[in-house]
């Protein structure tokens, strides 16, 4: 079976003699063995997984695929940012416990940016509550953005899987 490939798309002749193009993965095919390379994983495709479907990739389909990719990247970045904020919130919660146990007469060194300020016990607690509230708000906003991205991604998955079936892989 003759085949051609490059890093972005696959062009090959199907068993019916028609040409097919897949813009999602790179595949090498020879002697009834197909290797699918998508992302960083390599696996042998089962005979059932090989799709000789001649579904054309329209401009709208390509835009949906690009949108899905952007949303997936955005969601991953937001989740990384959320992890950092969760760790910071956990640190502030630990700090709140330490400040409650501290002597109220001693000034508390509270970090603001790159500098430390001497604050009274009451001012440090107010500042800490304000910072905790700010982090909670940021986390909820990021969570909403992640949920919006996931909702749109699910809608795009339904559309793309309906048209391309197994010929497209939209999993992480």
N, C-alpha and C. Protein backbone atom coordinates (compact mmCIF):
# COMPACT_ATOMS: atom_id res chain seq x y z
N UNK A 1 0.85 -1.17 0.00
CA UNK A 1 0.00 0.00 0.00
C UNK A 1 0.90 1.23 0.00
N UNK A 2 0.81 2.08 -1.00
CA UNK A 2 1.63 3.29 -1.01
C UNK A 2 1.14 4.27 0.06
N UNK A 3 2.08 5.04 0.60
CA UNK A 3 1.70 6.01 1.62
C UNK A 3 2.62 7.22 1.55
N UNK A 4 2.11 8.34 2.03
CA UNK A 4 2.87 9.56 2.19
C UNK A 4 2.53 10.13 3.55
N UNK A 5 3.44 10.84 4.13
CA UNK A 5 3.15 11.46 5.41
C UNK A 5 4.05 12.67 5.62
N UNK A 6 3.60 13.54 6.48
CA UNK A 6 4.46 14.58 7.02
C UNK A 6 4.02 14.84 8.45
N UNK A 7 4.58 15.85 9.07
CA UNK A 7 4.34 16.05 10.49
C UNK A 7 2.96 16.61 10.82
N UNK A 8 2.25 17.13 9.85
CA UNK A 8 0.98 17.77 10.15
C UNK A 8 -0.23 17.03 9.58
N UNK A 9 -0.04 16.30 8.52
CA UNK A 9 -1.19 15.64 7.94
C UNK A 9 -0.78 14.34 7.26
N UNK A 10 -1.75 13.51 7.02
CA UNK A 10 -1.53 12.23 6.37
C UNK A 10 -2.32 12.23 5.07
N UNK A 11 -1.69 11.81 4.02
CA UNK A 11 -2.38 11.66 2.74
C UNK A 11 -2.09 10.25 2.27
N UNK A 12 -3.13 9.45 2.08
CA UNK A 12 -2.90 8.08 1.60
C UNK A 12 -4.06 7.62 0.77
N UNK A 13 -3.82 6.59 0.05
CA UNK A 13 -4.85 6.01 -0.79
C UNK A 13 -5.58 4.94 0.02
N UNK A 14 -6.90 5.02 0.05
CA UNK A 14 -7.69 4.06 0.81
C UNK A 14 -7.88 2.80 -0.02
N UNK A 15 -8.50 1.80 0.60
CA UNK A 15 -8.72 0.53 -0.11
C UNK A 15 -9.68 0.70 -1.27
N UNK A 16 -10.50 1.75 -1.25
CA UNK A 16 -11.42 2.00 -2.36
C UNK A 16 -10.76 2.79 -3.48
N UNK A 17 -9.51 3.17 -3.29
CA UNK A 17 -8.79 3.90 -4.31
C UNK A 17 -8.90 5.40 -4.20
N UNK A 18 -9.64 5.90 -3.22
CA UNK A 18 -9.77 7.34 -3.03
C UNK A 18 -8.66 7.83 -2.12
N UNK A 19 -8.39 9.11 -2.21
CA UNK A 19 -7.38 9.71 -1.35
C UNK A 19 -8.05 10.26 -0.10
N UNK A 20 -7.42 10.08 1.05
CA UNK A 20 -7.97 10.64 2.29
C UNK A 20 -6.89 11.47 2.96
N UNK A 21 -7.34 12.48 3.70
CA UNK A 21 -6.41 13.37 4.40
C UNK A 21 -6.90 13.50 5.84
N UNK A 22 -6.00 13.29 6.81
CA UNK A 22 -6.32 13.47 8.22
C UNK A 22 -5.39 14.54 8.77
N UNK A 23 -5.95 15.58 9.34
CA UNK A 23 -5.15 16.69 9.83
C UNK A 23 -4.89 16.61 11.33
N UNK A 24 -5.28 15.52 11.96
CA UNK A 24 -5.20 15.43 13.41
C UNK A 24 -3.95 14.68 13.87
N UNK A 25 -3.63 13.59 13.24
CA UNK A 25 -2.52 12.77 13.70
C UNK A 25 -1.64 12.40 12.52
N UNK A 26 -0.46 11.94 12.84
CA UNK A 26 0.45 11.45 11.82
C UNK A 26 0.43 9.93 11.90
N UNK A 27 0.26 9.29 10.76
CA UNK A 27 0.22 7.83 10.75
C UNK A 27 1.17 7.31 9.69
N UNK A 28 1.84 6.25 10.02
CA UNK A 28 2.63 5.52 9.04
C UNK A 28 1.91 4.20 8.81
N UNK A 29 1.77 3.81 7.59
CA UNK A 29 1.03 2.60 7.29
C UNK A 29 1.77 1.81 6.23
N UNK A 30 2.00 0.54 6.52
CA UNK A 30 2.67 -0.33 5.56
C UNK A 30 2.46 -1.77 6.00
N UNK A 31 2.24 -2.67 5.07
CA UNK A 31 2.09 -4.11 5.35
C UNK A 31 1.05 -4.40 6.42
N UNK A 32 -0.13 -3.82 6.31
CA UNK A 32 -1.24 -4.04 7.25
C UNK A 32 -0.91 -3.65 8.68
N UNK A 33 0.11 -2.87 8.91
CA UNK A 33 0.46 -2.39 10.24
C UNK A 33 0.41 -0.88 10.21
N UNK A 34 -0.34 -0.31 11.13
CA UNK A 34 -0.45 1.14 11.19
C UNK A 34 0.03 1.60 12.55
N UNK A 35 0.89 2.59 12.56
CA UNK A 35 1.34 3.19 13.81
C UNK A 35 0.75 4.59 13.87
N UNK A 36 0.05 4.88 14.94
CA UNK A 36 -0.59 6.17 15.13
C UNK A 36 0.26 6.97 16.11
N UNK A 37 0.67 8.15 15.70
CA UNK A 37 1.46 9.01 16.57
C UNK A 37 0.62 10.25 16.84
N UNK A 38 0.14 10.37 18.06
CA UNK A 38 -0.63 11.56 18.43
C UNK A 38 -0.08 12.05 19.75
N UNK A 39 0.41 13.25 19.76
CA UNK A 39 1.02 13.79 20.97
C UNK A 39 2.35 13.10 21.22
N UNK A 40 2.53 12.52 22.40
CA UNK A 40 3.78 11.88 22.75
C UNK A 40 3.64 10.37 22.83
N UNK A 41 2.48 9.81 22.52
CA UNK A 41 2.28 8.38 22.65
C UNK A 41 2.29 7.72 21.29
N UNK A 42 2.76 6.48 21.28
CA UNK A 42 2.72 5.69 20.06
C UNK A 42 2.01 4.39 20.41
N UNK A 43 1.09 3.99 19.57
CA UNK A 43 0.39 2.74 19.79
C UNK A 43 0.03 2.14 18.44
N UNK A 44 -0.12 0.84 18.43
CA UNK A 44 -0.55 0.15 17.23
C UNK A 44 -2.06 0.26 17.15
N UNK A 45 -2.58 0.60 16.00
CA UNK A 45 -4.02 0.68 15.81
C UNK A 45 -4.56 -0.71 15.50
N UNK A 46 -5.66 -1.04 16.13
CA UNK A 46 -6.35 -2.27 15.78
C UNK A 46 -6.96 -2.10 14.40
N UNK A 47 -7.22 -3.21 13.74
CA UNK A 47 -7.78 -3.14 12.39
C UNK A 47 -9.10 -2.38 12.40
N UNK A 48 -9.89 -2.54 13.47
CA UNK A 48 -11.17 -1.84 13.58
C UNK A 48 -10.98 -0.33 13.74
N UNK A 49 -9.86 0.07 14.35
CA UNK A 49 -9.61 1.49 14.59
C UNK A 49 -9.16 2.22 13.34
N UNK A 50 -8.63 1.48 12.38
CA UNK A 50 -8.22 2.13 11.14
C UNK A 50 -9.48 2.58 10.42
N UNK A 51 -9.52 3.83 10.13
CA UNK A 51 -10.73 4.38 9.55
C UNK A 51 -10.45 4.82 8.13
N UNK A 52 -11.12 4.19 7.18
CA UNK A 52 -10.99 4.58 5.79
C UNK A 52 -12.10 5.54 5.40
N UNK A 53 -12.64 6.22 6.38
CA UNK A 53 -13.72 7.16 6.16
C UNK A 53 -13.19 8.31 5.31
N UNK A 54 -13.96 8.74 4.36
CA UNK A 54 -13.52 9.80 3.47
C UNK A 54 -14.18 11.13 3.82
N UNK A 55 -14.43 11.35 5.10
CA UNK A 55 -15.05 12.61 5.54
C UNK A 55 -14.10 13.76 5.23
N UNK A 56 -14.61 14.74 4.54
CA UNK A 56 -13.83 15.91 4.17
C UNK A 56 -13.74 16.85 5.37
N UNK A 57 -12.59 17.44 5.55
CA UNK A 57 -12.40 18.43 6.60
C UNK A 57 -12.68 19.79 5.99
N UNK A 58 -13.80 20.37 6.38
CA UNK A 58 -14.17 21.68 5.85
C UNK A 58 -13.50 22.78 6.67
N UNK A 59 -13.62 24.01 6.18
CA UNK A 59 -13.05 25.14 6.90
C UNK A 59 -13.69 25.27 8.27
N UNK A 60 -15.00 25.05 8.36
CA UNK A 60 -15.71 25.14 9.64
C UNK A 60 -15.22 24.06 10.60
N UNK A 61 -14.99 22.85 10.07
CA UNK A 61 -14.47 21.77 10.91
C UNK A 61 -13.10 22.13 11.46
N UNK A 62 -12.25 22.66 10.60
CA UNK A 62 -10.91 23.04 11.04
C UNK A 62 -10.98 24.14 12.09
N UNK A 63 -11.91 25.07 11.95
CA UNK A 63 -12.09 26.12 12.95
C UNK A 63 -12.55 25.53 14.28
N UNK A 64 -13.43 24.54 14.22
CA UNK A 64 -13.89 23.88 15.45
C UNK A 64 -12.73 23.14 16.12
N UNK A 65 -11.91 22.47 15.33
CA UNK A 65 -10.75 21.75 15.88
C UNK A 65 -9.79 22.75 16.52
N UNK A 66 -9.53 23.86 15.85
CA UNK A 66 -8.64 24.88 16.40
C UNK A 66 -9.20 25.48 17.68
N UNK A 67 -10.51 25.73 17.70
CA UNK A 67 -11.16 26.27 18.90
C UNK A 67 -11.05 25.29 20.05
N UNK A 68 -11.27 24.00 19.77
CA UNK A 68 -11.15 22.98 20.80
C UNK A 68 -9.73 22.97 21.37
N UNK A 69 -8.74 23.04 20.49
CA UNK A 69 -7.35 23.04 20.93
C UNK A 69 -7.04 24.25 21.81
N UNK A 70 -7.50 25.43 21.41
CA UNK A 70 -7.28 26.64 22.20
C UNK A 70 -7.94 26.53 23.57
N UNK A 71 -9.18 26.04 23.58
CA UNK A 71 -9.90 25.90 24.85
C UNK A 71 -9.21 24.89 25.76
N UNK A 72 -8.71 23.80 25.19
CA UNK A 72 -8.03 22.78 25.97
C UNK A 72 -6.76 23.36 26.60
N UNK A 73 -6.00 24.11 25.82
CA UNK A 73 -4.78 24.74 26.34
C UNK A 73 -5.13 25.76 27.42
N UNK A 74 -6.16 26.56 27.18
CA UNK A 74 -6.59 27.56 28.16
C UNK A 74 -7.02 26.88 29.46
N UNK A 75 -7.78 25.79 29.34
CA UNK A 75 -8.25 25.07 30.53
C UNK A 75 -7.07 24.54 31.33
N UNK A 76 -6.08 23.97 30.65
CA UNK A 76 -4.91 23.44 31.35
C UNK A 76 -4.14 24.56 32.06
N UNK A 77 -3.99 25.71 31.40
CA UNK A 77 -3.31 26.85 32.03
C UNK A 77 -4.08 27.36 33.25
N UNK A 78 -5.40 27.43 33.13
CA UNK A 78 -6.22 27.88 34.26
C UNK A 78 -6.12 26.90 35.43
N UNK A 79 -6.10 25.61 35.13
CA UNK A 79 -5.99 24.62 36.21
C UNK A 79 -4.64 24.72 36.91
N UNK A 80 -3.57 25.00 36.16
CA UNK A 80 -2.26 25.20 36.78
C UNK A 80 -2.28 26.43 37.68
N UNK A 81 -2.89 27.50 37.21
CA UNK A 81 -3.00 28.72 37.99
C UNK A 81 -3.82 28.47 39.26
N UNK A 82 -4.89 27.68 39.12
CA UNK A 82 -5.73 27.36 40.28
C UNK A 82 -4.94 26.57 41.32
N UNK A 83 -4.09 25.65 40.88
CA UNK A 83 -3.27 24.87 41.82
C UNK A 83 -2.36 25.80 42.62
N UNK A 84 -1.74 26.77 41.95
CA UNK A 84 -0.88 27.73 42.65
C UNK A 84 -1.66 28.54 43.67
N UNK A 85 -2.86 28.98 43.29
CA UNK A 85 -3.69 29.76 44.21
C UNK A 85 -4.17 28.90 45.39
N UNK A 86 -4.46 27.64 45.13
CA UNK A 86 -4.87 26.75 46.22
C UNK A 86 -3.74 26.56 47.22
N UNK A 87 -2.51 26.42 46.73
CA UNK A 87 -1.37 26.30 47.63
C UNK A 87 -1.17 27.58 48.44
N UNK A 88 -1.34 28.72 47.78
CA UNK A 88 -1.21 30.00 48.48
C UNK A 88 -2.31 30.15 49.54
N UNK A 89 -3.52 29.72 49.22
CA UNK A 89 -4.63 29.79 50.18
C UNK A 89 -4.36 28.88 51.37
N UNK A 90 -3.81 27.70 51.09
CA UNK A 90 -3.47 26.77 52.17
C UNK A 90 -2.40 27.37 53.08
N UNK A 91 -1.44 28.06 52.49
CA UNK A 91 -0.40 28.73 53.27
C UNK A 91 -1.02 29.82 54.15
N UNK A 92 -1.95 30.57 53.59
CA UNK A 92 -2.61 31.62 54.38
C UNK A 92 -3.45 31.02 55.50
N UNK A 93 -4.07 29.87 55.26
CA UNK A 93 -4.84 29.21 56.32
C UNK A 93 -3.91 28.78 57.46
N UNK A 94 -2.74 28.25 57.10
CA UNK A 94 -1.76 27.88 58.12
C UNK A 94 -1.28 29.11 58.89
N UNK A 95 -1.08 30.20 58.17
CA UNK A 95 -0.65 31.45 58.80
C UNK A 95 -1.72 31.96 59.77
N UNK A 96 -2.97 31.82 59.41
CA UNK A 96 -4.06 32.25 60.30
C UNK A 96 -4.00 31.48 61.62
N UNK A 97 -3.74 30.20 61.53
CA UNK A 97 -3.63 29.39 62.75
C UNK A 97 -2.44 29.86 63.60
N UNK A 98 -1.32 30.17 62.96
CA UNK A 98 -0.14 30.63 63.69
C UNK A 98 -0.38 31.99 64.34
N UNK A 99 -1.05 32.88 63.62
CA UNK A 99 -1.31 34.22 64.17
C UNK A 99 -2.26 34.13 65.37
N UNK A 100 -3.23 33.23 65.30
CA UNK A 100 -4.15 33.06 66.44
C UNK A 100 -3.42 32.58 67.68
N UNK A 101 -2.37 31.79 67.48
CA UNK A 101 -1.60 31.27 68.61
C UNK A 101 -0.54 32.26 69.09
N UNK A 102 -0.24 33.27 68.29
CA UNK A 102 0.82 34.23 68.63
C UNK A 102 0.38 35.16 69.76
N UNK A 103 1.37 35.72 70.44
CA UNK A 103 1.14 36.68 71.51
C UNK A 103 0.60 37.97 70.91
N UNK A 104 -0.51 38.48 71.45
CA UNK A 104 -1.16 39.66 70.88
C UNK A 104 -0.36 40.94 71.10
N UNK A 105 0.56 40.94 72.05
CA UNK A 105 1.36 42.13 72.32
C UNK A 105 2.53 42.29 71.35
N UNK A 106 2.96 41.20 70.75
CA UNK A 106 4.11 41.24 69.84
C UNK A 106 3.65 41.65 68.44
N UNK A 107 4.40 42.55 67.77
CA UNK A 107 4.05 42.87 66.38
C UNK A 107 4.34 41.67 65.48
N UNK A 108 3.57 41.56 64.44
CA UNK A 108 3.70 40.43 63.51
C UNK A 108 4.31 40.96 62.21
N UNK A 109 5.31 40.25 61.71
CA UNK A 109 5.91 40.62 60.43
C UNK A 109 5.06 40.00 59.33
N UNK A 110 4.41 40.84 58.55
CA UNK A 110 3.50 40.40 57.49
C UNK A 110 4.11 40.76 56.15
N UNK A 111 4.21 39.79 55.26
CA UNK A 111 4.84 40.01 53.95
C UNK A 111 3.84 40.66 53.00
N UNK A 112 4.26 41.76 52.41
CA UNK A 112 3.49 42.47 51.40
C UNK A 112 4.41 42.65 50.20
N UNK A 113 4.16 41.92 49.14
CA UNK A 113 5.04 41.97 47.98
C UNK A 113 6.39 41.36 48.32
N UNK A 114 7.44 42.18 48.26
CA UNK A 114 8.80 41.72 48.56
C UNK A 114 9.26 42.16 49.95
N UNK A 115 8.44 42.94 50.65
CA UNK A 115 8.85 43.51 51.93
C UNK A 115 7.99 42.95 53.06
N UNK A 116 8.54 43.05 54.28
CA UNK A 116 7.80 42.65 55.47
C UNK A 116 7.46 43.90 56.27
N UNK A 117 6.23 43.96 56.75
CA UNK A 117 5.77 45.08 57.56
C UNK A 117 5.47 44.59 58.97
N UNK A 118 5.77 45.43 59.97
CA UNK A 118 5.40 45.11 61.35
C UNK A 118 3.96 45.58 61.54
N UNK A 119 3.05 44.64 61.79
CA UNK A 119 1.64 44.95 61.99
C UNK A 119 1.21 44.47 63.36
N UNK A 120 0.22 45.16 63.91
CA UNK A 120 -0.36 44.69 65.17
C UNK A 120 -1.14 43.40 64.90
N UNK A 121 -1.44 42.70 65.96
CA UNK A 121 -2.15 41.42 65.83
C UNK A 121 -3.49 41.61 65.10
N UNK A 122 -4.25 42.64 65.49
CA UNK A 122 -5.57 42.87 64.89
C UNK A 122 -5.45 43.24 63.40
N UNK A 123 -4.49 44.13 63.07
CA UNK A 123 -4.32 44.53 61.67
C UNK A 123 -3.84 43.35 60.82
N UNK A 124 -2.98 42.52 61.38
CA UNK A 124 -2.50 41.35 60.64
C UNK A 124 -3.65 40.39 60.35
N UNK A 125 -4.53 40.20 61.33
CA UNK A 125 -5.69 39.30 61.13
C UNK A 125 -6.62 39.87 60.06
N UNK A 126 -6.87 41.19 60.09
CA UNK A 126 -7.73 41.82 59.08
C UNK A 126 -7.10 41.68 57.69
N UNK A 127 -5.81 41.93 57.63
CA UNK A 127 -5.10 41.83 56.34
C UNK A 127 -5.14 40.39 55.82
N UNK A 128 -4.97 39.44 56.71
CA UNK A 128 -5.00 38.03 56.34
C UNK A 128 -6.38 37.62 55.84
N UNK A 129 -7.44 38.07 56.52
CA UNK A 129 -8.81 37.77 56.07
C UNK A 129 -9.08 38.38 54.70
N UNK A 130 -8.58 39.59 54.48
CA UNK A 130 -8.74 40.25 53.19
C UNK A 130 -8.03 39.44 52.09
N UNK A 131 -6.81 38.99 52.35
CA UNK A 131 -6.06 38.20 51.37
C UNK A 131 -6.74 36.86 51.11
N UNK A 132 -7.26 36.23 52.16
CA UNK A 132 -7.97 34.96 51.97
C UNK A 132 -9.22 35.16 51.13
N UNK A 133 -9.95 36.23 51.37
CA UNK A 133 -11.16 36.52 50.60
C UNK A 133 -10.81 36.78 49.13
N UNK A 134 -9.72 37.53 48.90
CA UNK A 134 -9.28 37.80 47.53
C UNK A 134 -8.94 36.50 46.80
N UNK A 135 -8.23 35.60 47.48
CA UNK A 135 -7.88 34.31 46.86
C UNK A 135 -9.11 33.47 46.58
N UNK A 136 -10.07 33.47 47.49
CA UNK A 136 -11.30 32.71 47.28
C UNK A 136 -12.05 33.24 46.06
N UNK A 137 -12.11 34.56 45.93
CA UNK A 137 -12.77 35.16 44.76
C UNK A 137 -12.06 34.79 43.46
N UNK A 138 -10.72 34.87 43.47
CA UNK A 138 -9.96 34.52 42.28
C UNK A 138 -10.17 33.06 41.90
N UNK A 139 -10.17 32.18 42.91
CA UNK A 139 -10.39 30.75 42.64
C UNK A 139 -11.76 30.49 42.05
N UNK A 140 -12.78 31.18 42.56
CA UNK A 140 -14.12 30.96 42.03
C UNK A 140 -14.23 31.48 40.60
N UNK A 141 -13.60 32.61 40.29
CA UNK A 141 -13.61 33.14 38.92
C UNK A 141 -12.89 32.18 37.96
N UNK A 142 -11.74 31.68 38.39
CA UNK A 142 -11.01 30.73 37.55
C UNK A 142 -11.81 29.45 37.34
N UNK A 143 -12.47 29.00 38.39
CA UNK A 143 -13.28 27.79 38.29
C UNK A 143 -14.43 27.98 37.30
N UNK A 144 -15.05 29.16 37.31
CA UNK A 144 -16.11 29.46 36.34
C UNK A 144 -15.58 29.43 34.91
N UNK A 145 -14.39 30.00 34.71
CA UNK A 145 -13.79 30.00 33.37
C UNK A 145 -13.46 28.58 32.91
N UNK A 146 -12.98 27.74 33.83
CA UNK A 146 -12.69 26.35 33.49
C UNK A 146 -13.98 25.63 33.11
N UNK A 147 -15.04 25.84 33.88
CA UNK A 147 -16.32 25.20 33.58
C UNK A 147 -16.88 25.66 32.24
N UNK A 148 -16.74 26.95 31.92
CA UNK A 148 -17.20 27.46 30.62
C UNK A 148 -16.41 26.81 29.49
N UNK A 149 -15.11 26.70 29.66
CA UNK A 149 -14.27 26.07 28.63
C UNK A 149 -14.67 24.61 28.45
N UNK A 150 -14.88 23.90 29.55
CA UNK A 150 -15.25 22.48 29.46
C UNK A 150 -16.61 22.31 28.79
N UNK A 151 -17.54 23.21 29.07
CA UNK A 151 -18.87 23.13 28.45
C UNK A 151 -18.75 23.29 26.94
N UNK A 152 -18.01 24.30 26.50
CA UNK A 152 -17.82 24.52 25.07
C UNK A 152 -17.07 23.36 24.43
N UNK A 153 -16.07 22.82 25.14
CA UNK A 153 -15.32 21.68 24.61
C UNK A 153 -16.22 20.47 24.42
N UNK A 154 -17.13 20.23 25.36
CA UNK A 154 -18.06 19.10 25.22
C UNK A 154 -18.94 19.27 23.99
N UNK A 155 -19.42 20.49 23.77
CA UNK A 155 -20.25 20.75 22.59
C UNK A 155 -19.47 20.49 21.30
N UNK A 156 -18.22 20.96 21.27
CA UNK A 156 -17.38 20.75 20.09
C UNK A 156 -17.07 19.27 19.89
N UNK A 157 -16.84 18.54 21.00
CA UNK A 157 -16.58 17.10 20.89
C UNK A 157 -17.74 16.38 20.24
N UNK A 158 -18.95 16.72 20.65
CA UNK A 158 -20.14 16.08 20.09
C UNK A 158 -20.20 16.32 18.58
N UNK A 159 -19.99 17.56 18.16
CA UNK A 159 -20.04 17.88 16.74
C UNK A 159 -18.94 17.16 15.95
N UNK A 160 -17.72 17.20 16.48
CA UNK A 160 -16.60 16.62 15.74
C UNK A 160 -16.64 15.10 15.72
N UNK A 161 -16.99 14.47 16.85
CA UNK A 161 -17.09 13.01 16.86
C UNK A 161 -18.24 12.54 15.99
N UNK A 162 -19.31 13.33 15.91
CA UNK A 162 -20.44 12.95 15.05
C UNK A 162 -20.01 12.90 13.59
N UNK A 163 -19.15 13.82 13.20
CA UNK A 163 -18.73 13.85 11.80
C UNK A 163 -17.57 12.89 11.51
N UNK A 164 -16.56 12.86 12.40
CA UNK A 164 -15.34 12.12 12.10
C UNK A 164 -15.23 10.77 12.80
N UNK A 165 -16.04 10.53 13.82
CA UNK A 165 -16.00 9.25 14.53
C UNK A 165 -14.63 8.97 15.11
N UNK A 166 -14.09 7.79 14.80
CA UNK A 166 -12.79 7.40 15.34
C UNK A 166 -11.62 8.03 14.61
N UNK A 167 -11.88 8.74 13.55
CA UNK A 167 -10.80 9.35 12.78
C UNK A 167 -10.19 10.55 13.49
N UNK A 168 -10.82 11.01 14.56
CA UNK A 168 -10.32 12.16 15.29
C UNK A 168 -10.18 11.79 16.76
N UNK A 169 -9.13 12.30 17.39
CA UNK A 169 -8.89 12.03 18.80
C UNK A 169 -8.88 13.36 19.54
N UNK A 170 -9.87 13.56 20.39
CA UNK A 170 -9.98 14.81 21.14
C UNK A 170 -9.74 14.61 22.62
N UNK A 171 -9.13 13.49 23.00
CA UNK A 171 -8.80 13.26 24.40
C UNK A 171 -7.45 13.87 24.70
N UNK A 172 -7.20 14.10 25.99
CA UNK A 172 -5.94 14.73 26.39
C UNK A 172 -4.77 13.84 26.17
